[in-house]
C-alpha atoms as a PDB file:
ATOM      1  CA  UNK A   1      -9.812  17.994 -22.669  1.00  0.00           C
ATOM      2  CA  UNK A   2     -12.106  15.185 -23.861  1.00  0.00           C
ATOM      3  CA  UNK A   3     -15.042  13.832 -21.894  1.00  0.00           C
ATOM      4  CA  UNK A   4     -13.181  10.558 -21.230  1.00  0.00           C
ATOM      5  CA  UNK A   5     -10.189  12.499 -19.875  1.00  0.00           C
ATOM      6  CA  UNK A   6     -12.431  14.449 -17.513  1.00  0.00           C
ATOM      7  CA  UNK A   7     -14.009  11.207 -16.314  1.00  0.00           C
ATOM      8  CA  UNK A   8     -10.563   9.709 -15.727  1.00  0.00           C
ATOM      9  CA  UNK A   9      -9.439  12.727 -13.701  1.00  0.00           C
ATOM     10  CA  UNK A  10     -12.555  12.582 -11.527  1.00  0.00           C
ATOM     11  CA  UNK A  11     -12.006   8.883 -10.860  1.00  0.00           C
ATOM     12  CA  UNK A  12      -8.372   9.459  -9.875  1.00  0.00           C
ATOM     13  CA  UNK A  13      -9.507  12.300  -7.600  1.00  0.00           C
ATOM     14  CA  UNK A  14     -12.047   9.936  -6.017  1.00  0.00           C
ATOM     15  CA  UNK A  15      -9.306   7.407  -5.218  1.00  0.00           C
ATOM     16  CA  UNK A  16      -7.083  10.140  -3.782  1.00  0.00           C
ATOM     17  CA  UNK A  17      -9.901  11.434  -1.564  1.00  0.00           C
ATOM     18  CA  UNK A  18     -10.714   7.960  -0.225  1.00  0.00           C
ATOM     19  CA  UNK A  19      -7.063   7.165   0.523  1.00  0.00           C
ATOM     20  CA  UNK A  20      -6.620  10.554   2.160  1.00  0.00           C
ATOM     21  CA  UNK A  21      -9.706   9.982   4.281  1.00  0.00           C
ATOM     22  CA  UNK A  22      -8.256   6.659   5.490  1.00  0.00           C
ATOM     23  CA  UNK A  23      -5.189   8.464   6.850  1.00  0.00           C
ATOM     24  CA  UNK A  24      -7.368  11.093   8.528  1.00  0.00           C
ATOM     25  CA  UNK A  25      -9.830   8.777  10.296  1.00  0.00           C
ATOM     26  CA  UNK A  26      -7.350   6.078  11.378  1.00  0.00           C
ATOM     27  CA  UNK A  27      -7.006   7.230  15.038  1.00  0.00           C
ATOM     28  CA  UNK A  28     -10.786   7.398  15.498  1.00  0.00           C
ATOM     29  CA  UNK A  29     -11.351   4.005  13.873  1.00  0.00           C
ATOM     30  CA  UNK A  30      -8.923   2.347  16.275  1.00  0.00           C
ATOM     31  CA  UNK A  31     -11.242   2.841  19.243  1.00  0.00           C
ATOM     32  CA  UNK A  32     -14.204   1.376  17.355  1.00  0.00           C
ATOM     33  CA  UNK A  33     -12.592  -1.966  16.502  1.00  0.00           C
ATOM     34  CA  UNK A  34     -13.903  -4.714  18.807  1.00  0.00           C
ATOM     35  CA  UNK A  35     -11.631  -7.503  17.530  1.00  0.00           C
ATOM     36  CA  UNK A  36      -8.289  -5.850  16.624  1.00  0.00           C
ATOM     37  CA  UNK A  37      -6.401  -9.100  15.978  1.00  0.00           C
ATOM     38  CA  UNK A  38      -9.036 -10.281  13.515  1.00  0.00           C
ATOM     39  CA  UNK A  39      -8.987  -6.892  11.820  1.00  0.00           C
ATOM     40  CA  UNK A  40      -5.187  -7.054  11.549  1.00  0.00           C
ATOM     41  CA  UNK A  41      -5.379 -10.582  10.141  1.00  0.00           C
ATOM     42  CA  UNK A  42      -8.000  -9.522   7.582  1.00  0.00           C
ATOM     43  CA  UNK A  43      -5.902  -6.521   6.558  1.00  0.00           C
ATOM     44  CA  UNK A  44      -2.879  -8.804   6.390  1.00  0.00           C
ATOM     45  CA  UNK A  45      -4.749 -11.043   3.962  1.00  0.00           C
ATOM     46  CA  UNK A  46      -5.409  -8.014   1.771  1.00  0.00           C
ATOM     47  CA  UNK A  47      -1.700  -7.131   1.874  1.00  0.00           C
ATOM     48  CA  UNK A  48      -0.574 -10.650   0.957  1.00  0.00           C
ATOM     49  CA  UNK A  49      -3.039 -10.819  -1.937  1.00  0.00           C
ATOM     50  CA  UNK A  50      -1.930  -7.352  -3.077  1.00  0.00           C
ATOM     51  CA  UNK A  51       1.709  -8.512  -3.188  1.00  0.00           C
ATOM     52  CA  UNK A  52       1.068 -11.743  -5.094  1.00  0.00           C
ATOM     53  CA  UNK A  53      -1.732 -10.606  -7.397  1.00  0.00           C
ATOM     54  CA  UNK A  54      -0.662  -7.042  -8.149  1.00  0.00           C
ATOM     55  CA  UNK A  55       2.915  -6.119  -7.228  1.00  0.00           C
ATOM     56  CA  UNK A  56       4.675  -9.263  -8.472  1.00  0.00           C
ATOM     57  CA  UNK A  57       2.759  -9.339 -11.818  1.00  0.00           C
ATOM     58  CA  UNK A  58       3.596  -5.653 -12.247  1.00  0.00           C
ATOM     59  CA  UNK A  59       7.288  -6.579 -11.971  1.00  0.00           C
ATOM     60  CA  UNK A  60       6.790  -9.227 -14.666  1.00  0.00           C
ATOM     61  CA  UNK A  61       5.422  -6.501 -16.907  1.00  0.00           C
ATOM     62  CA  UNK A  62       8.252  -4.094 -16.085  1.00  0.00           C
ATOM     63  CA  UNK A  63       9.793  -1.741 -18.620  1.00  0.00           C
ATOM     64  CA  UNK A  64      12.079  -3.362 -21.187  1.00  0.00           C
ATOM     65  CA  UNK A  65      14.897  -0.997 -20.183  1.00  0.00           C
ATOM     66  CA  UNK A  66      15.026  -2.595 -16.718  1.00  0.00           C
ATOM     67  CA  UNK A  67      14.114  -6.157 -17.661  1.00  0.00           C
ATOM     68  CA  UNK A  68      14.818  -9.107 -15.325  1.00  0.00           C
ATOM     69  CA  UNK A  69      17.128  -6.918 -13.214  1.00  0.00           C
ATOM     70  CA  UNK A  70      13.987  -5.535 -11.614  1.00  0.00           C
ATOM     71  CA  UNK A  71      13.952  -8.508  -9.248  1.00  0.00           C
ATOM     72  CA  UNK A  72      17.374  -7.566  -7.883  1.00  0.00           C
ATOM     73  CA  UNK A  73      15.861  -4.225  -6.868  1.00  0.00           C
ATOM     74  CA  UNK A  74      13.010  -6.035  -5.107  1.00  0.00           C
ATOM     75  CA  UNK A  75      15.570  -8.240  -3.331  1.00  0.00           C
ATOM     76  CA  UNK A  76      17.516  -5.160  -2.234  1.00  0.00           C
ATOM     77  CA  UNK A  77      14.303  -3.654  -0.863  1.00  0.00           C
ATOM     78  CA  UNK A  78      13.652  -6.799   1.168  1.00  0.00           C
ATOM     79  CA  UNK A  79      17.228  -6.985   2.492  1.00  0.00           C
ATOM     80  CA  UNK A  80      17.345  -3.268   3.351  1.00  0.00           C
ATOM     81  CA  UNK A  81      14.281  -3.411   5.564  1.00  0.00           C
ATOM     82  CA  UNK A  82      15.311  -6.720   7.078  1.00  0.00           C
ATOM     83  CA  UNK A  83      18.585  -5.046   8.035  1.00  0.00           C
ATOM     84  CA  UNK A  84      16.752  -2.098   9.559  1.00  0.00           C
ATOM     85  CA  UNK A  85      14.558  -4.421  11.576  1.00  0.00           C
ATOM     86  CA  UNK A  86      17.556  -6.354  12.915  1.00  0.00           C
ATOM     87  CA  UNK A  87      19.534  -3.203  13.733  1.00  0.00           C
ATOM     88  CA  UNK A  88      16.687  -1.576  15.634  1.00  0.00           C
ATOM     89  CA  UNK A  89      15.288  -4.369  17.744  1.00  0.00           C
ATOM     90  CA  UNK A  90      13.910  -3.397  21.186  1.00  0.00           C
ATOM     91  CA  UNK A  91      14.817  -1.284  23.069  1.00  0.00           C
ATOM     92  CA  UNK A  92      15.840   0.598  19.890  1.00  0.00           C
ATOM     93  CA  UNK A  93      12.685  -0.277  17.909  1.00  0.00           C
ATOM     94  CA  UNK A  94      11.510   3.354  17.970  1.00  0.00           C
ATOM     95  CA  UNK A  95      14.812   4.706  16.618  1.00  0.00           C
ATOM     96  CA  UNK A  96      14.242   7.641  14.207  1.00  0.00           C
ATOM     97  CA  UNK A  97      16.086   5.909  11.341  1.00  0.00           C
ATOM     98  CA  UNK A  98      13.720   2.952  11.309  1.00  0.00           C
ATOM     99  CA  UNK A  99      10.668   5.164  11.747  1.00  0.00           C
ATOM    100  CA  UNK A 100      11.664   7.497   8.916  1.00  0.00           C
ATOM    101  CA  UNK A 101      12.506   4.593   6.589  1.00  0.00           C
ATOM    102  CA  UNK A 102       9.093   3.031   7.140  1.00  0.00           C
ATOM    103  CA  UNK A 103       7.403   6.405   6.748  1.00  0.00           C
ATOM    104  CA  UNK A 104       9.260   7.073   3.474  1.00  0.00           C
ATOM    105  CA  UNK A 105       8.218   3.682   2.106  1.00  0.00           C
ATOM    106  CA  UNK A 106       4.585   4.242   3.003  1.00  0.00           C
ATOM    107  CA  UNK A 107       4.778   7.673   1.371  1.00  0.00           C
ATOM    108  CA  UNK A 108       5.977   6.019  -1.835  1.00  0.00           C
ATOM    109  CA  UNK A 109       3.162   3.478  -1.552  1.00  0.00           C
ATOM    110  CA  UNK A 110       0.421   6.096  -1.198  1.00  0.00           C
ATOM    111  CA  UNK A 111       1.912   8.622  -3.606  1.00  0.00           C
ATOM    112  CA  UNK A 112       2.805   6.151  -6.364  1.00  0.00           C
ATOM    113  CA  UNK A 113      -0.588   4.492  -6.166  1.00  0.00           C
ATOM    114  CA  UNK A 114      -2.331   7.753  -7.034  1.00  0.00           C
ATOM    115  CA  UNK A 115       0.415   9.033  -9.360  1.00  0.00           C
ATOM    116  CA  UNK A 116       0.357   5.962 -11.601  1.00  0.00           C
ATOM    117  CA  UNK A 117      -3.359   5.231 -11.459  1.00  0.00           C
ATOM    118  CA  UNK A 118      -3.986   6.808 -14.849  1.00  0.00           C
ATOM    119  CA  UNK A 119      -1.939   3.999 -16.450  1.00  0.00           C
ATOM    120  CA  UNK A 120      -4.180   1.249 -15.071  1.00  0.00           C
ATOM    121  CA  UNK A 121      -7.570   2.678 -14.179  1.00  0.00           C
ATOM    122  CA  UNK A 122     -10.437   0.187 -13.665  1.00  0.00           C
ATOM    123  CA  UNK A 123     -12.853   0.086 -16.615  1.00  0.00           C
ATOM    124  CA  UNK A 124     -15.846   1.703 -14.863  1.00  0.00           C
ATOM    125  CA  UNK A 125     -16.316   4.325 -12.115  1.00  0.00           C
ATOM    126  CA  UNK A 126     -18.097   1.774  -9.893  1.00  0.00           C
ATOM    127  CA  UNK A 127     -15.128  -0.586 -10.084  1.00  0.00           C
ATOM    128  CA  UNK A 128     -12.806   2.333  -9.378  1.00  0.00           C
ATOM    129  CA  UNK A 129     -14.796   3.002  -6.202  1.00  0.00           C
ATOM    130  CA  UNK A 130     -14.596  -0.656  -5.156  1.00  0.00           C
ATOM    131  CA  UNK A 131     -10.857  -0.677  -5.845  1.00  0.00           C
ATOM    132  CA  UNK A 132     -10.339   2.505  -3.822  1.00  0.00           C
ATOM    133  CA  UNK A 133     -12.267   1.161  -0.825  1.00  0.00           C
ATOM    134  CA  UNK A 134     -10.278  -2.074  -0.863  1.00  0.00           C
ATOM    135  CA  UNK A 135      -6.937  -0.262  -0.954  1.00  0.00           C
ATOM    136  CA  UNK A 136      -8.182   2.160   1.726  1.00  0.00           C
ATOM    137  CA  UNK A 137      -8.768  -0.789   4.080  1.00  0.00           C
ATOM    138  CA  UNK A 138      -5.169  -1.882   3.573  1.00  0.00           C
ATOM    139  CA  UNK A 139      -3.932   1.699   4.110  1.00  0.00           C
ATOM    140  CA  UNK A 140      -6.032   1.997   7.251  1.00  0.00           C
ATOM    141  CA  UNK A 141      -4.662  -1.275   8.579  1.00  0.00           C
ATOM    142  CA  UNK A 142      -1.072  -0.115   7.973  1.00  0.00           C
ATOM    143  CA  UNK A 143      -1.774   3.208   9.718  1.00  0.00           C
ATOM    144  CA  UNK A 144      -3.117   1.355  12.743  1.00  0.00           C
ATOM    145  CA  UNK A 145       0.027  -0.798  12.854  1.00  0.00           C
ATOM    146  CA  UNK A 146       2.210   2.316  12.748  1.00  0.00           C
ATOM    147  CA  UNK A 147       0.084   3.871  15.481  1.00  0.00           C
ATOM    148  CA  UNK A 148       0.547   0.782  17.667  1.00  0.00           C
ATOM    149  CA  UNK A 149       4.326   0.879  17.249  1.00  0.00           C
ATOM    150  CA  UNK A 150       5.017   4.622  17.278  1.00  0.00           C
ATOM    151  CA  UNK A 151       2.015   6.055  19.129  1.00  0.00           C
ATOM    152  CA  UNK A 152       1.399   9.782  19.213  1.00  0.00           C
ATOM    153  CA  UNK A 153       4.452  10.450  17.081  1.00  0.00           C
ATOM    154  CA  UNK A 154       2.717   8.891  14.111  1.00  0.00           C
ATOM    155  CA  UNK A 155      -0.757  10.196  14.989  1.00  0.00           C
ATOM    156  CA  UNK A 156       0.323  13.835  15.322  1.00  0.00           C
ATOM    157  CA  UNK A 157       2.758  14.008  12.409  1.00  0.00           C
ATOM    158  CA  UNK A 158       3.341  10.800  10.498  1.00  0.00           C
ATOM    159  CA  UNK A 159      -0.145  10.260   9.136  1.00  0.00           C
ATOM    160  CA  UNK A 160      -0.267  13.847   7.883  1.00  0.00           C
ATOM    161  CA  UNK A 161       2.971  13.206   5.991  1.00  0.00           C
ATOM    162  CA  UNK A 162       1.281  10.220   4.343  1.00  0.00           C
ATOM    163  CA  UNK A 163      -1.737  12.382   3.518  1.00  0.00           C
ATOM    164  CA  UNK A 164       0.657  14.879   1.930  1.00  0.00           C
ATOM    165  CA  UNK A 165       2.117  12.070  -0.216  1.00  0.00           C
ATOM    166  CA  UNK A 166      -1.369  11.346  -1.587  1.00  0.00           C
ATOM    167  CA  UNK A 167      -1.865  15.033  -2.422  1.00  0.00           C
ATOM    168  CA  UNK A 168       1.555  15.291  -4.087  1.00  0.00           C
ATOM    169  CA  UNK A 169       0.990  12.081  -6.057  1.00  0.00           C
ATOM    170  CA  UNK A 170      -2.327  13.400  -7.336  1.00  0.00           C
ATOM    171  CA  UNK A 171      -0.902  16.835  -8.131  1.00  0.00           C
ATOM    172  CA  UNK A 172       2.053  15.436 -10.086  1.00  0.00           C
ATOM    173  CA  UNK A 173      -0.269  13.128 -12.018  1.00  0.00           C
ATOM    174  CA  UNK A 174      -2.191  16.161 -13.284  1.00  0.00           C
ATOM    175  CA  UNK A 175       0.868  17.628 -14.986  1.00  0.00           C
ATOM    176  CA  UNK A 176       2.936  14.719 -16.254  1.00  0.00           C
ATOM    177  CA  UNK A 177       3.031  10.962 -16.590  1.00  0.00           C
ATOM    178  CA  UNK A 178       5.915   9.159 -14.862  1.00  0.00           C
ATOM    179  CA  UNK A 179       8.643   7.438 -16.873  1.00  0.00           C
ATOM    180  CA  UNK A 180       7.878   3.695 -16.831  1.00  0.00           C
ATOM    181  CA  UNK A 181      11.424   2.682 -15.832  1.00  0.00           C
ATOM    182  CA  UNK A 182      11.417   4.968 -12.779  1.00  0.00           C
ATOM    183  CA  UNK A 183       8.035   3.703 -11.649  1.00  0.00           C
ATOM    184  CA  UNK A 184       9.128   0.085 -12.124  1.00  0.00           C
ATOM    185  CA  UNK A 185      12.245   0.588  -9.965  1.00  0.00           C
ATOM    186  CA  UNK A 186      10.279   2.252  -7.175  1.00  0.00           C
ATOM    187  CA  UNK A 187       7.578  -0.415  -7.384  1.00  0.00           C
ATOM    188  CA  UNK A 188      10.225  -3.156  -7.126  1.00  0.00           C
ATOM    189  CA  UNK A 189      11.721  -1.624  -3.991  1.00  0.00           C
ATOM    190  CA  UNK A 190       8.215  -1.275  -2.577  1.00  0.00           C
ATOM    191  CA  UNK A 191       7.480  -4.924  -3.391  1.00  0.00           C
ATOM    192  CA  UNK A 192      10.559  -5.964  -1.412  1.00  0.00           C
ATOM    193  CA  UNK A 193       9.370  -3.983   1.581  1.00  0.00           C
ATOM    194  CA  UNK A 194       5.830  -5.371   1.327  1.00  0.00           C
ATOM    195  CA  UNK A 195       7.157  -8.939   1.203  1.00  0.00           C
ATOM    196  CA  UNK A 196       9.278  -8.347   4.291  1.00  0.00           C
ATOM    197  CA  UNK A 197       6.405  -6.632   6.075  1.00  0.00           C
ATOM    198  CA  UNK A 198       4.108  -9.521   5.220  1.00  0.00           C
ATOM    199  CA  UNK A 199       6.548 -12.142   6.498  1.00  0.00           C
ATOM    200  CA  UNK A 200       7.290 -10.393   9.793  1.00  0.00           C
ATOM    201  CA  UNK A 201       4.032  -8.635  10.703  1.00  0.00           C
ATOM    202  CA  UNK A 202       1.171 -10.438   8.990  1.00  0.00           C
ATOM    203  CA  UNK A 203       1.878 -14.130   9.496  1.00  0.00           C
ATOM    204  CA  UNK A 204       2.430 -13.980  13.297  1.00  0.00           C
ATOM    205  CA  UNK A 205      -0.940 -12.248  13.716  1.00  0.00           C
ATOM    206  CA  UNK A 206      -2.697 -14.714  11.408  1.00  0.00           C
ATOM    207  CA  UNK A 207      -1.876 -17.917  13.284  1.00  0.00           C
ATOM    208  CA  UNK A 208      -4.329 -20.194  15.058  1.00  0.00           C
ATOM    209  CA  UNK A 209      -7.909 -18.905  15.270  1.00  0.00           C
ATOM    210  CA  UNK A 210      -7.069 -15.724  13.293  1.00  0.00           C
ATOM    211  CA  UNK A 211      -6.361 -17.698  10.117  1.00  0.00           C
ATOM    212  CA  UNK A 212      -9.973 -17.438   8.937  1.00  0.00           C
ATOM    213  CA  UNK A 213      -9.909 -13.651   9.114  1.00  0.00           C
ATOM    214  CA  UNK A 214      -6.599 -13.733   7.201  1.00  0.00           C
ATOM    215  CA  UNK A 215      -8.124 -16.045   4.581  1.00  0.00           C
ATOM    216  CA  UNK A 216     -11.150 -13.774   4.287  1.00  0.00           C
ATOM    217  CA  UNK A 217      -8.846 -10.863   3.440  1.00  0.00           C
ATOM    218  CA  UNK A 218      -7.120 -12.881   0.722  1.00  0.00           C
ATOM    219  CA  UNK A 219     -10.439 -14.014  -0.776  1.00  0.00           C
ATOM    220  CA  UNK A 220     -11.837 -10.481  -0.685  1.00  0.00           C
ATOM    221  CA  UNK A 221      -8.893  -9.028  -2.609  1.00  0.00           C
ATOM    222  CA  UNK A 222      -8.760 -11.991  -5.020  1.00  0.00           C
ATOM    223  CA  UNK A 223     -12.438 -11.566  -5.868  1.00  0.00           C
ATOM    224  CA  UNK A 224     -11.898  -7.861  -6.345  1.00  0.00           C
ATOM    225  CA  UNK A 225      -8.924  -8.592  -8.594  1.00  0.00           C
ATOM    226  CA  UNK A 226     -11.059 -10.855 -10.788  1.00  0.00           C
ATOM    227  CA  UNK A 227     -13.876  -8.301 -10.776  1.00  0.00           C
ATOM    228  CA  UNK A 228     -11.543  -5.608 -12.032  1.00  0.00           C
ATOM    229  CA  UNK A 229     -10.494  -7.849 -14.885  1.00  0.00           C
ATOM    230  CA  UNK A 230      -6.857  -8.040 -13.766  1.00  0.00           C
ATOM    231  CA  UNK A 231      -6.850 -11.829 -14.023  1.00  0.00           C
ATOM    232  CA  UNK A 232      -7.486 -13.492 -17.333  1.00  0.00           C
END
């Protein structure tokens, strides 16, 4: 294995370790947050910027086998989770079907992020570290939202499932590269979920005096995106 390949593997391992650490420390971080609504709004800004600056452009660059049909998959992802949300309104909001669907989606998010990182690694190790910390904040914010909605069920089991997804994503990436068409389809479904999640969870939190924290999250991710050279 060449020196550049070893460097790449160490950088991917670094990202996996940081994301895994976010899942592990989430319950302890929750008690340290003095302004939870501002933190949620800031994390929501990161999520919105991630959708518009990363996920949607990645659909534009989807594999030629899938082509424009990729957006139908994203639409199906949005509709599927909208349907789940409508079906399991309170007092059924904690129904296992909804919980497991959200958990599966977050597993895909964490696992795919690490699994596909070798295809689009930042140009330097320092930028890889910055990227990993930014994504870890978004992961941490999502874990805290799941903890608020599902409580000890997520803390005792769910977050460890997400940690396992990071480990599996890293392990699979060591042995083989994913087929681009498969990754594009999964990313499209994930984009649909993220858009729905943004519309229903992020915007209500970000109203009124929380808008500035929301805007700060968007600016932070946008600056990072430019720094990583993802925007021409």
